Amino acid sequence: MAIDSPQAQGSPKPAGQQATHIAGMTPGTDLAGKVALVTGGARNIGRAICRSLAAGGATVMVNANTSRAEAEHTVAMIRSAGGRVDSYFADVTDPAAVAKMVDATVKEFGRLDILVNNAAVRSETAFGDIKLEEWRRVIATVLDGAFLCTQACLPHLARARSAAIVTIGGLTAHKGATGRAHVITAKAGIAGMTRALALDLAPQRVTVNCVVPGTIETVRGLPGAPPRPEDRRGLPPVGRRGEPEEIAAVVRMLCGPDARYITGQTIHVNGGGFMP
């Protein structure tokens, strides 16, 4: 099934011009028969991940909490391309809601093979101005949410005997930044949890990896999110910002049959902007 990039929608190409290759969106069967749950899958990187996994043949459950219209659009995009998909609206910080979401996914699709922990809060506040409520909200969404979803999914992933967990990290957790102490702390915790789970879950043949995006072209506007600067200086060595689909391509690879020997890794996708 062919899935077009959201950037390409509404922009027909001149007659005779070949379609541009879109990372992660090549139709395939590498994930055929697999079922994936993607948290924070309504927009931006989350949407691209859902579409990429579907392009690989996976059935996808799109999770969102507040972005209902965006999640419904993601579902429509996948269905229009022939994919099997549904959405489930739940707060990943609520244990009962997470349990119901996982149960609903397995009840509808029969199994669960892939979990992508992408749900996050991207706020920017000077450290001295961070209220405890805001600190806890960020930590809960990013770190507690990944914990709750992974724990709830684990019995089903273990049953699959060839499952994958991919969590989306943050570049600032590795290089630092001002005004984001809560986000950096949460994302640094994700990197540590990845290594711990890789060891804990290896006997059950569940791989666990973390993908860290660099500067990516995304749509801003969520409450608390800093605006995208207009200044294009400071680009990575490749000379441009990345696209959400380029992150999704790496996630898809890590969920596929060719990545069964990759686990416990933090994989940076940043155009050379950070080389650990």
Protein backbone atom coordinates (compact mmCIF):
# COMPACT_ATOMS: atom_id res chain seq x y z
CA MET A 1 0.00 0.00 0.00
CA ALA A 2 1.37 3.38 -0.97
CA ILE A 3 1.37 6.06 1.68
CA ASP A 4 2.11 9.62 0.69
CA SER A 5 3.92 12.12 2.87
CA PRO A 6 1.71 14.73 4.54
CA GLN A 7 4.05 17.36 3.09
CA ALA A 8 3.19 16.15 -0.39
CA GLN A 9 -0.57 16.29 0.02
CA GLY A 10 -2.22 18.91 -2.10
CA SER A 11 0.93 19.47 -4.18
CA PRO A 12 0.57 17.52 -7.43
CA LYS A 13 3.79 16.92 -9.32
CA PRO A 14 4.28 18.05 -12.91
CA ALA A 15 3.50 15.46 -15.56
CA GLY A 16 6.38 13.07 -16.08
CA GLN A 17 8.10 13.92 -12.79
CA GLN A 18 8.84 10.93 -10.61
CA ALA A 19 7.55 10.84 -7.04
CA THR A 20 10.10 11.73 -4.40
CA HIS A 21 11.19 8.91 -2.14
CA ILE A 22 9.80 9.29 1.35
CA ALA A 23 11.76 7.67 4.15
CA GLY A 24 9.93 4.93 5.98
CA MET A 25 6.94 4.92 3.64
CA THR A 26 8.00 2.28 1.13
CA PRO A 27 5.25 -0.36 0.98
CA GLY A 28 6.37 -3.72 2.24
CA THR A 29 5.56 -6.86 4.18
CA ASP A 30 8.33 -6.67 6.78
CA LEU A 31 5.74 -6.18 9.56
CA ALA A 32 2.93 -8.25 8.07
CA GLY A 33 0.88 -9.98 10.76
CA LYS A 34 2.20 -7.70 13.51
CA VAL A 35 0.08 -5.44 15.72
CA ALA A 36 1.52 -2.18 17.02
CA LEU A 37 0.39 0.26 19.69
CA VAL A 38 1.81 3.78 19.27
CA THR A 39 1.29 6.29 22.07
CA GLY A 40 1.12 9.93 21.11
CA GLY A 41 0.41 8.82 17.57
CA ALA A 42 -1.85 11.67 16.48
CA ARG A 43 0.62 14.07 14.89
CA ASN A 44 4.19 14.89 13.92
CA ILE A 45 6.66 12.06 14.66
CA GLY A 46 3.92 9.90 16.18
CA ARG A 47 1.79 10.15 13.05
CA ALA A 48 4.78 9.33 10.83
CA ILE A 49 5.56 6.27 12.95
CA CYS A 50 1.99 5.00 12.69
CA ARG A 51 2.00 5.45 8.93
CA SER A 52 5.42 3.86 8.51
CA LEU A 53 4.49 0.77 10.53
CA ALA A 54 1.28 0.49 8.52
CA ALA A 55 3.25 0.80 5.29
CA GLY A 56 5.28 -2.19 6.48
CA GLY A 57 2.11 -4.23 6.88
CA ALA A 58 1.45 -3.83 10.60
CA THR A 59 -1.97 -3.25 12.09
CA VAL A 60 -1.79 -0.08 14.16
CA MET A 61 -3.62 1.22 17.23
CA VAL A 62 -3.16 5.00 17.37
CA ASN A 63 -3.21 6.37 20.91
CA ALA A 64 -3.91 9.99 21.73
CA ASN A 65 -5.21 11.90 24.70
CA THR A 66 -6.24 15.41 23.67
CA SER A 67 -5.47 15.52 19.93
CA ARG A 68 -8.67 13.79 18.82
CA ALA A 69 -9.03 15.46 15.41
CA GLU A 70 -5.39 14.83 14.55
CA ALA A 71 -5.64 11.18 15.60
CA GLU A 72 -8.74 10.69 13.47
CA HIS A 73 -6.86 12.21 10.52
CA THR A 74 -3.96 9.80 11.07
CA VAL A 75 -6.41 6.89 11.05
CA ALA A 76 -8.04 8.19 7.88
CA MET A 77 -4.67 8.51 6.13
CA ILE A 78 -3.77 4.91 6.91
CA ARG A 79 -7.19 3.54 5.98
CA SER A 80 -7.18 5.42 2.68
CA ALA A 81 -3.94 3.64 1.84
CA GLY A 82 -5.43 0.25 2.62
CA GLY A 83 -4.05 -0.20 6.12
CA ARG A 84 -5.74 -1.74 9.13
CA VAL A 85 -5.91 0.77 11.97
CA ASP A 86 -7.99 2.13 14.81
CA SER A 87 -7.59 4.74 17.54
CA TYR A 88 -7.92 4.69 21.30
CA PHE A 89 -8.04 7.80 23.44
CA ALA A 90 -6.40 7.40 26.83
CA ASP A 91 -4.14 9.25 29.26
CA VAL A 92 -0.90 7.25 29.50
CA THR A 93 -0.41 8.46 33.08
CA ASP A 94 -3.62 6.71 34.21
CA PRO A 95 -2.94 3.03 35.02
CA ALA A 96 -6.58 2.00 34.61
CA ALA A 97 -6.89 3.79 31.26
CA VAL A 98 -3.68 2.20 30.01
CA ALA A 99 -4.86 -1.26 31.01
CA LYS A 100 -8.15 -0.74 29.17
CA MET A 101 -6.31 0.52 26.09
CA VAL A 102 -4.07 -2.53 25.92
CA ASP A 103 -6.98 -4.89 26.53
CA ALA A 104 -9.00 -3.17 23.80
CA THR A 105 -6.10 -3.45 21.35
CA VAL A 106 -5.67 -7.18 21.93
CA LYS A 107 -9.42 -7.79 21.90
CA GLU A 108 -9.83 -6.01 18.57
CA PHE A 109 -6.70 -7.23 16.79
CA GLY A 110 -5.94 -10.51 18.55
CA ARG A 111 -2.35 -9.89 19.59
CA LEU A 112 0.32 -7.27 20.31
CA ASP A 113 3.86 -7.36 18.92
CA ILE A 114 5.11 -3.76 18.96
CA LEU A 115 4.92 -0.92 21.48
CA VAL A 116 6.16 2.56 20.59
CA ASN A 117 6.31 4.90 23.57
CA ASN A 118 6.11 8.34 21.97
CA ALA A 119 3.74 10.29 24.24
CA ALA A 120 5.46 13.37 25.65
CA VAL A 121 5.01 16.89 26.95
CA ARG A 122 7.26 19.48 25.34
CA SER A 123 7.24 22.52 27.58
CA GLU A 124 9.88 25.16 28.20
CA THR A 125 10.21 26.91 31.56
CA ALA A 126 13.17 28.43 33.36
CA PHE A 127 14.24 26.09 36.15
CA GLY A 128 13.48 28.59 38.90
CA ASP A 129 9.95 29.00 37.58
CA ILE A 130 9.05 25.31 37.26
CA LYS A 131 6.22 24.50 39.63
CA LEU A 132 6.08 21.05 41.18
CA GLU A 133 2.83 20.41 39.32
CA GLU A 134 4.48 21.08 35.96
CA TRP A 135 7.53 18.98 36.90
CA ARG A 136 5.33 16.05 37.82
CA ARG A 137 3.18 16.41 34.70
CA VAL A 138 6.20 16.15 32.40
CA ILE A 139 7.80 13.28 34.29
CA ALA A 140 4.49 11.44 34.47
CA THR A 141 3.73 11.72 30.76
CA VAL A 142 7.18 10.84 29.46
CA LEU A 143 8.60 8.44 32.03
CA ASP A 144 5.65 7.09 34.01
CA GLY A 145 3.68 6.73 30.78
CA ALA A 146 6.38 4.59 29.20
CA PHE A 147 6.58 2.49 32.38
CA LEU A 148 2.82 1.94 32.60
CA CYS A 149 2.39 1.13 28.91
CA THR A 150 5.34 -1.24 28.84
CA GLN A 151 4.22 -3.07 31.94
CA ALA A 152 0.65 -3.41 30.66
CA CYS A 153 1.81 -4.63 27.24
CA LEU A 154 4.47 -7.02 28.50
CA PRO A 155 2.37 -10.21 28.88
CA HIS A 156 1.22 -9.88 25.27
CA LEU A 157 4.65 -8.92 23.93
CA ALA A 158 6.23 -11.86 25.71
CA ARG A 159 3.66 -14.17 24.17
CA ALA A 160 4.64 -12.95 20.70
CA ARG A 161 8.20 -14.24 21.29
CA SER A 162 9.64 -11.77 18.79
CA ALA A 163 8.40 -8.41 19.97
CA ALA A 164 9.84 -4.92 19.99
CA ILE A 165 9.60 -1.88 22.22
CA VAL A 166 10.85 1.44 20.88
CA THR A 167 10.78 4.60 22.98
CA ILE A 168 11.35 8.07 21.56
CA GLY A 169 14.07 9.91 23.47
CA GLY A 170 15.25 13.49 23.35
CA LEU A 171 18.49 15.03 22.10
CA THR A 172 18.64 17.51 24.98
CA ALA A 173 18.88 14.59 27.39
CA HIS A 174 22.33 13.92 25.91
CA LYS A 175 23.65 17.42 25.24
CA GLY A 176 21.68 19.62 27.65
CA ALA A 177 19.63 22.78 27.12
CA THR A 178 18.32 25.70 29.11
CA GLY A 179 14.75 25.96 30.30
CA ARG A 180 13.96 22.28 29.93
CA ALA A 181 15.20 20.62 33.12
CA HIS A 182 11.99 18.61 33.55
CA VAL A 183 11.90 17.38 29.95
CA ILE A 184 15.63 16.57 29.96
CA THR A 185 15.32 14.63 33.21
CA ALA A 186 12.41 12.61 31.87
CA LYS A 187 14.11 11.80 28.57
CA ALA A 188 17.36 10.88 30.33
CA GLY A 189 15.32 8.45 32.39
CA ILE A 190 14.00 6.91 29.17
CA ALA A 191 17.55 6.14 28.02
CA GLY A 192 18.29 4.43 31.33
CA MET A 193 15.03 2.49 31.31
CA THR A 194 15.84 1.26 27.80
CA ARG A 195 19.05 -0.38 28.97
CA ALA A 196 17.39 -1.87 32.04
CA LEU A 197 14.47 -3.34 30.12
CA ALA A 198 16.71 -4.71 27.38
CA LEU A 199 18.36 -6.92 30.01
CA ASP A 200 15.15 -7.79 31.84
CA LEU A 201 13.20 -8.71 28.71
CA ALA A 202 15.91 -10.39 26.63
CA PRO A 203 14.95 -13.89 27.87
CA GLN A 204 11.45 -13.25 26.53
CA ARG A 205 12.88 -12.23 23.13
CA VAL A 206 11.59 -8.68 23.45
CA THR A 207 14.01 -6.09 22.08
CA VAL A 208 14.04 -2.62 23.66
CA ASN A 209 15.61 0.41 22.01
CA CYS A 210 15.48 4.20 22.17
CA VAL A 211 15.43 6.45 19.09
CA VAL A 212 16.59 10.03 19.67
CA PRO A 213 15.48 12.58 17.07
CA GLY A 214 17.60 15.60 16.28
CA THR A 215 16.01 18.85 15.09
CA ILE A 216 12.91 17.79 13.20
CA GLU A 217 10.43 19.78 11.13
CA THR A 218 7.23 19.43 13.15
CA VAL A 219 4.02 21.38 13.61
CA ARG A 220 4.13 23.35 16.84
CA GLY A 221 1.29 24.90 18.76
CA LEU A 222 0.53 22.58 21.67
CA PRO A 223 0.07 24.37 25.00
CA GLY A 224 3.45 25.11 26.56
CA ALA A 225 5.46 24.21 23.47
CA PRO A 226 8.12 26.75 22.48
CA PRO A 227 7.66 28.31 19.02
CA ARG A 228 9.86 27.10 16.18
CA PRO A 229 12.58 29.73 15.65
CA GLU A 230 12.72 31.37 12.23
CA ASP A 231 16.53 31.53 12.33
CA ARG A 232 17.83 28.63 10.25
CA ARG A 233 21.41 28.90 11.46
CA GLY A 234 22.87 26.11 13.52
CA LEU A 235 21.66 23.36 11.20
CA PRO A 236 23.37 19.96 11.45
CA PRO A 237 26.15 19.02 9.01
CA VAL A 238 23.68 17.64 6.46
CA GLY A 239 22.39 21.20 6.06
CA ARG A 240 18.74 20.76 6.95
CA ARG A 241 16.33 19.72 9.64
CA GLY A 242 15.05 16.18 9.60
CA GLU A 243 11.56 15.03 8.66
CA PRO A 244 9.30 12.99 10.96
CA GLU A 245 9.34 10.19 8.41
CA GLU A 246 13.10 9.82 8.83
CA ILE A 247 12.60 9.04 12.51
CA ALA A 248 9.77 6.68 11.64
CA ALA A 249 12.00 4.77 9.24
CA VAL A 250 14.42 3.89 12.03
CA VAL A 251 11.58 2.88 14.34
CA ARG A 252 10.17 0.62 11.63
CA MET A 253 13.55 -1.00 11.10
CA LEU A 254 13.95 -1.70 14.82
CA CYS A 255 10.53 -3.37 14.88
CA GLY A 256 11.27 -5.60 11.91
CA PRO A 257 12.83 -9.01 11.42
CA ASP A 258 16.27 -7.64 10.51
CA ALA A 259 16.77 -6.00 13.93
CA ARG A 260 16.39 -8.96 16.25
CA TYR A 261 20.04 -8.61 17.35
CA ILE A 262 19.69 -4.93 18.26
CA THR A 263 18.61 -4.22 21.83
CA GLY A 264 19.47 -1.86 24.66
CA GLN A 265 20.63 0.80 22.22
CA THR A 266 20.12 4.55 22.07
CA ILE A 267 20.13 5.42 18.37
CA HIS A 268 20.60 9.05 17.37
CA VAL A 269 18.98 10.32 14.15
CA ASN A 270 20.15 13.92 13.84
CA GLY A 271 21.96 14.60 10.58
CA GLY A 272 25.32 14.63 12.35
CA GLY A 273 24.32 17.37 14.77
CA PHE A 274 25.36 15.25 17.77
CA MET A 275 27.90 12.46 17.75
CA PRO A 276 28.15 10.70 21.11
